PDB file of N, CA and C in Angstrom:
ATOM      1  N   MET A   1       4.410  11.210   1.837  1.00  0.00           N
ATOM      2  CA  MET A   1       5.231   9.899   1.577  1.00  0.00           C
ATOM      3  C   MET A   1       4.436   8.635   0.955  1.00  0.00           C
ATOM      4  N   ILE A   2       3.679   8.430   2.279  1.00  0.00           N
ATOM      5  CA  ILE A   2       3.170   6.891   1.744  1.00  0.00           C
ATOM      6  C   ILE A   2       2.118   6.597   0.461  1.00  0.00           C
ATOM      7  N   PHE A   3       1.712   8.193   0.198  1.00  0.00           N
ATOM      8  CA  PHE A   3       0.800   8.455  -1.254  1.00  0.00           C
ATOM      9  C   PHE A   3       1.849   8.137  -2.391  1.00  0.00           C
ATOM     10  N   ASN A   4       3.011   8.308  -2.462  1.00  0.00           N
ATOM     11  CA  ASN A   4       3.899   8.334  -3.183  1.00  0.00           C
ATOM     12  C   ASN A   4       4.253   7.163  -3.574  1.00  0.00           C
ATOM     13  N   ILE A   5       4.290   6.260  -2.391  1.00  0.00           N
ATOM     14  CA  ILE A   5       4.523   5.051  -2.394  1.00  0.00           C
ATOM     15  C   ILE A   5       3.257   4.034  -3.227  1.00  0.00           C
ATOM     16  N   PHE A   6       2.339   4.169  -2.839  1.00  0.00           N
ATOM     17  CA  PHE A   6       0.956   3.408  -3.537  1.00  0.00           C
ATOM     18  C   PHE A   6       0.908   4.305  -4.820  1.00  0.00           C
ATOM     19  N   ALA A   7       1.306   5.275  -5.354  1.00  0.00           N
ATOM     20  CA  ALA A   7       1.150   5.931  -6.776  1.00  0.00           C
ATOM     21  C   ALA A   7       2.493   4.756  -7.309  1.00  0.00           C
ATOM     22  N   ALA A   8       3.674   4.641  -6.856  1.00  0.00           N
ATOM     23  CA  ALA A   8       4.736   4.213  -7.662  1.00  0.00           C
ATOM     24  C   ALA A   8       4.039   2.488  -7.953  1.00  0.00           C
ATOM     25  N   TRP A   9       3.635   1.836  -6.701  1.00  0.00           N
ATOM     26  CA  TRP A   9       3.069   0.818  -6.820  1.00  0.00           C
ATOM     27  C   TRP A   9       1.631   0.516  -8.012  1.00  0.00           C
ATOM     28  N   TRP A  10       0.848   1.884  -8.005  1.00  0.00           N
ATOM     29  CA  TRP A  10      -0.152   1.445  -8.892  1.00  0.00           C
ATOM     30  C   TRP A  10       0.283   1.918 -10.545  1.00  0.00           C
ATOM     31  N   ARG A  11       1.011   2.500 -10.782  1.00  0.00           N
ATOM     32  CA  ARG A  11       2.335   2.571 -12.111  1.00  0.00           C
ATOM     33  C   ARG A  11       2.437   1.358 -12.481  1.00  0.00           C
ATOM     34  N   LYS A  12       3.215   0.503 -11.394  1.00  0.00           N
ATOM     35  CA  LYS A  12       3.918  -0.745 -11.867  1.00  0.00           C
ATOM     36  C   LYS A  12       3.079  -1.596 -12.024  1.00  0.00           C
ATOM     37  N   ILE A  13       2.118  -1.615 -11.457  1.00  0.00           N
ATOM     38  CA  ILE A  13       0.811  -2.604 -11.381  1.00  0.00           C
ATOM     39  C   ILE A  13       0.066  -2.157 -12.949  1.00  0.00           C
ATOM     40  N   GLN A  14      -0.065  -0.905 -13.209  1.00  0.00           N
ATOM     41  CA  GLN A  14      -0.562  -0.663 -14.351  1.00  0.00           C
ATOM     42  C   GLN A  14       0.458  -1.274 -15.765  1.00  0.00           C
ATOM     43  N   GLN A  15       1.603  -0.925 -15.383  1.00  0.00           N
ATOM     44  CA  GLN A  15       2.652  -1.357 -16.569  1.00  0.00           C
ATOM     45  C   GLN A  15       2.772  -2.908 -16.600  1.00  0.00           C
ATOM     46  N   ASP A  16       2.581  -3.431 -15.601  1.00  0.00           N
ATOM     47  CA  ASP A  16       2.639  -5.124 -15.416  1.00  0.00           C
ATOM     48  C   ASP A  16       1.606  -5.806 -15.120  1.00  0.00           C
ATOM     49  N   PRO A  17       0.026  -5.377 -15.309  1.00  0.00           N
ATOM     50  CA  PRO A  17      -0.832  -5.819 -14.701  1.00  0.00           C
ATOM     51  C   PRO A  17      -1.160  -7.425 -14.337  1.00  0.00           C
ATOM     52  N   THR A  18      -0.581  -8.007 -13.422  1.00  0.00           N
ATOM     53  CA  THR A  18      -0.612  -9.710 -13.727  1.00  0.00           C
ATOM     54  C   THR A  18      -1.504  -9.823 -12.471  1.00  0.00           C
ATOM     55  N   GLY A  19      -2.306 -11.041 -12.432  1.00  0.00           N
ATOM     56  CA  GLY A  19      -2.879 -11.536 -10.865  1.00  0.00           C
ATOM     57  C   GLY A  19      -2.054 -11.325  -9.865  1.00  0.00           C
ATOM     58  N   TRP A  20      -0.772 -12.058  -9.963  1.00  0.00           N
ATOM     59  CA  TRP A  20      -0.071 -11.683  -9.158  1.00  0.00           C
ATOM     60  C   TRP A  20       0.199 -10.459  -8.225  1.00  0.00           C
ATOM     61  N   GLY A  21       0.383  -9.411  -9.691  1.00  0.00           N
ATOM     62  CA  GLY A  21       0.792  -8.233  -8.813  1.00  0.00           C
ATOM     63  C   GLY A  21       0.108  -7.424  -8.176  1.00  0.00           C
ATOM     64  N   ALA A  22      -1.345  -7.415  -8.788  1.00  0.00           N
ATOM     65  CA  ALA A  22      -2.542  -6.999  -7.968  1.00  0.00           C
ATOM     66  C   ALA A  22      -2.591  -7.891  -6.398  1.00  0.00           C
ATOM     67  N   LEU A  23      -2.450  -8.636  -6.296  1.00  0.00           N
ATOM     68  CA  LEU A  23      -2.559  -9.444  -5.149  1.00  0.00           C
ATOM     69  C   LEU A  23      -1.535  -9.128  -4.258  1.00  0.00           C
ATOM     70  N   LEU A  24      -0.165  -9.177  -4.610  1.00  0.00           N
ATOM     71  CA  LEU A  24       0.863  -8.547  -4.000  1.00  0.00           C
ATOM     72  C   LEU A  24       0.594  -7.121  -3.457  1.00  0.00           C
ATOM     73  N   LEU A  25       0.070  -6.170  -4.423  1.00  0.00           N
ATOM     74  CA  LEU A  25      -0.475  -5.191  -3.856  1.00  0.00           C
ATOM     75  C   LEU A  25      -1.365  -4.670  -3.156  1.00  0.00           C
ATOM     76  N   PHE A  26      -2.506  -5.679  -2.956  1.00  0.00           N
ATOM     77  CA  PHE A  26      -3.624  -5.833  -2.205  1.00  0.00           C
ATOM     78  C   PHE A  26      -2.702  -6.059  -0.533  1.00  0.00           C
ATOM     79  N   ALA A  27      -2.023  -7.116  -0.609  1.00  0.00           N
ATOM     80  CA  ALA A  27      -1.738  -7.826   0.563  1.00  0.00           C
ATOM     81  C   ALA A  27      -0.586  -6.232   1.144  1.00  0.00           C
ATOM     82  N   ILE A  28      -0.074  -6.120   0.436  1.00  0.00           N
ATOM     83  CA  ILE A  28       0.965  -5.085   1.151  1.00  0.00           C
ATOM     84  C   ILE A  28       0.401  -3.735   1.625  1.00  0.00           C
ATOM     85  N   GLY A  29      -0.886  -3.243   0.821  1.00  0.00           N
ATOM     86  CA  GLY A  29      -1.834  -2.525   1.226  1.00  0.00           C
ATOM     87  C   GLY A  29      -2.286  -2.627   2.350  1.00  0.00           C
ATOM     88  N   LEU A  30      -2.682  -3.587   2.587  1.00  0.00           N
ATOM     89  CA  LEU A  30      -3.573  -4.380   4.015  1.00  0.00           C
ATOM     90  C   LEU A  30      -2.830  -4.390   5.451  1.00  0.00           C
ATOM     91  N   ILE A  31      -1.286  -4.950   4.677  1.00  0.00           N
ATOM     92  CA  ILE A  31      -0.845  -4.682   5.991  1.00  0.00           C
ATOM     93  C   ILE A  31      -0.222  -3.492   6.536  1.00  0.00           C
ATOM     94  N   ALA A  32       0.098  -2.399   5.380  1.00  0.00           N
ATOM     95  CA  ALA A  32       0.607  -0.936   5.511  1.00  0.00           C
ATOM     96  C   ALA A  32      -0.728   0.034   6.586  1.00  0.00           C
ATOM     97  N   LEU A  33      -1.708  -0.714   5.970  1.00  0.00           N
ATOM     98  CA  LEU A  33      -3.058   0.060   6.517  1.00  0.00           C
ATOM     99  C   LEU A  33      -3.420  -0.148   7.696  1.00  0.00           C
ATOM    100  N   LEU A  34      -3.302  -1.552   7.983  1.00  0.00           N
ATOM    101  CA  LEU A  34      -3.143  -2.071   9.303  1.00  0.00           C
ATOM    102  C   LEU A  34      -2.167  -1.340  10.548  1.00  0.00           C
ATOM    103  N   SER A  35      -1.260  -1.368  10.131  1.00  0.00           N
ATOM    104  CA  SER A  35       0.103  -0.963  10.439  1.00  0.00           C
ATOM    105  C   SER A  35      -0.222   0.753  10.502  1.00  0.00           C
ATOM    106  N   ILE A  36      -0.460   1.236   9.936  1.00  0.00           N
ATOM    107  CA  ILE A  36      -0.838   2.620   9.746  1.00  0.00           C
ATOM    108  C   ILE A  36      -2.259   3.024  11.091  1.00  0.00           C
ATOM    109  N   MET A  37      -3.142   2.293  11.099  1.00  0.00           N
ATOM    110  CA  MET A  37      -3.895   2.297  12.011  1.00  0.00           C
ATOM    111  C   MET A  37      -3.784   2.183  13.065  1.00  0.00           C
ATOM    112  N   ARG A  38      -2.729   1.233  13.363  1.00  0.00           N
ATOM    113  CA  ARG A  38      -2.324   0.731  14.571  1.00  0.00           C
ATOM    114  C   ARG A  38      -1.867   1.874  15.306  1.00  0.00           C
ATOM    115  N   ALA A  39      -0.676   2.448  14.580  1.00  0.00           N
ATOM    116  CA  ALA A  39       0.205   3.985  15.177  1.00  0.00           C
ATOM    117  C   ALA A  39      -0.431   5.008  15.002  1.00  0.00           C
ATOM    118  N   MET A  40      -1.484   5.289  14.658  1.00  0.00           N
ATOM    119  CA  MET A  40      -2.610   6.329  14.230  1.00  0.00           C
ATOM    120  C   MET A  40      -2.574   7.173  15.596  1.00  0.00           C
ATOM    121  N   PRO A  41      -3.063   6.441  17.172  1.00  0.00           N
ATOM    122  CA  PRO A  41      -3.487   6.897  18.143  1.00  0.00           C
ATOM    123  C   PRO A  41      -1.958   7.841  18.722  1.00  0.00           C
ATOM    124  N   TYR A  42      -1.094   6.953  18.719  1.00  0.00           N
ATOM    125  CA  TYR A  42       0.201   7.546  19.003  1.00  0.00           C
ATOM    126  C   TYR A  42       0.655   8.963  18.242  1.00  0.00           C
ATOM    127  N   ALA A  43       0.396   8.816  16.810  1.00  0.00           N
ATOM    128  CA  ALA A  43       1.083   9.298  15.864  1.00  0.00           C
ATOM    129  C   ALA A  43       0.220  11.053  16.020  1.00  0.00           C
ATOM    130  N   SER A  44      -1.189  10.945  16.440  1.00  0.00           N
ATOM    131  CA  SER A  44      -1.967  11.960  15.942  1.00  0.00           C
ATOM    132  C   SER A  44      -1.592  12.868  17.551  1.00  0.00           C
ATOM    133  N   VAL A  45      -1.118  12.197  18.775  1.00  0.00           N
ATOM    134  CA  VAL A  45      -1.091  13.216  19.932  1.00  0.00           C
ATOM    135  C   VAL A  45       0.033  14.400  20.040  1.00  0.00           C
TER     136      VAL A  45
END
C-alpha cells in the first residue's frame, strides 16, 4: 500500500519534474519514514 503511494508520487514527479515537487516528495517521504519507524516495534509484535 505504502509502496503504491510512493510509486504514484514518483510518477507525478516524473511528469512534472520541478524543484518544489521533489522537495515536497522528500519531505513527505521523510515524515512517512519517521512515522513508520516509530510505529514499527508495535506493528511487528
